[in-house]
Amino acid sequence: MYIYDIIEKKRYGNELTKEEIEFTIAGFVKGDITEAQMSALLMAITINGMTDKEALCLTKTMQNSGKSYKFPFKSVDKHSTGGVGDSTTLIVVPTLAAMGLRVSKMSGKALGFTGGTIDKMKCFDGYNPEMSEEKFLDIIRKCGCVIMSQSSDIAVADKLIYALRDKTATVDSIPLIASSIMSKKLASGADTILLDVKYGTGAFMKTIDDAKKLAKLMVKIGKADGRNVNAVITNMNVPLSDGVGCNQEVYSAIKVLHGENSRLAELSKYLCAKLYSEAKGKPFNECKKMVSDAIASGKAAEKLREMVMLGGGNADIIDHPEKLLISDYVVKVTSKKNTYVNNINAYKVAKFVNHLKDSAVEKQKYRAGIMLNVHVGDEIHENDTLATIYSSRKVTNEMIEELLACFEFSDKYSSNYKLIEESVK
């Protein structure tokens, strides 16, 4: 069997066998298959796709390339396919723990234009997401939840391929996304899994139809492995939270745990209720009330504090989130006329924030970002603040114009923005 023949076979859109997929993954992990060869195969898959049978085989092969966790207790997990201003994990994980569930969350770093949960956890000084299995289990036993990075011995092939996809413009392939996510989810040991599959300008899936295809494929893979897997389709045409950037997104999440209402709060509460309902078999509306009570009582915020401290982090910003918005340069960007906000392009906002990060010195990358001061449908007046920039270098007129280009305006009110589209079982 030769990798050249496998690449050529997929280049012409033919179905790969179980043996060919296993040969390729094993060879890449061992180093017998080069990055150039794997890149060629990834591009062929991105262009020609995979059958469900191929995707399931690829998922299981990547899962079996490393260790799979088996817990002595039932646990749940939530995964997002990536978006702009998406810090739901920092809300969902401690809230569900406060409601009595065990939440085992293995998260990743930034991919493409989207932020990563592990990057956000670095905002809690000292928190170490790269922990041993013993440490992982110790924290989850003590406080009911933990957020850790993908360990070096779990889905080993995915970790290598994940990094390569980011460099080769093969991030937005449905079978590659599905197998990457589900290989980690199946290996991480959770019994009940909820997938937040996003579509829109700020997501890898640009259309709702593609998001449905991805959701259905991942649910099918999960159920084939005997897991309780469900998905929800959500809108990512507009940034999910007011904050975009590591510090700003953590700030937004903490504010939700302190009772602030927002799009981020709406989706986070929905995901909590949905996951609790699936795990416990309780009516969804009853679960929604339990979620609201866990947040309003302060128990969810307390769980986040407990988890951060057990992970070696400083939890001071949970009480003082305003410290996350300290920066060398803080500049308000204002409206030039009386108008309505018709849209805030999530992808453009993400690109702008990434430009801020790229220009920041290393230790200040986490401070770079923006806070949105308006929402889609808002009526605004001349000189009203649209957004606030946080930067480690002087903000130029060109930067301000780039941010202004993220906004679309209209002379009349127009807002049919729907955050949560539908569930997939």
Foldseek 3Di string as FASTA:
>chain_A
DDLVVVLVCLLVQHADDLVNLLVVLVCVLVVVADLVSVLSSLVSCQVRNYDLVRLLSNLVSLQVQFAADADPDAAEEEAEQFFFLAPLCLQQFLLLLLVPGAYEAAWEADAALGGTNVLLLVVFPFQAQADDPVLSVVLCVVRRYAYHYDYCGGSVSLVVVRVSCSVNVSSLHLSNSLSSVLSRVRRHHHQEYEYEQEEPLGGSHPDQVSSVVSQQSNCVSQVVVVGHYKYFYWYRQARQALWGFSLRSVLRSLVVLQPDDGSNVVVSLQVNLVRCCSVPVDDSVVSSVSSVCCSPVSSSLVSSCSRRVSSRGHSVCSVVSVVSQDAPDKDFQWDQAWFFFAGQGRNLQSVLQVVQLVPADPVCSRSWIKGAPDDHQDTDGGGHTGMMTGHHDDDDPVSSVSNVVRTDTHRDGDDPDDTTDGMGD
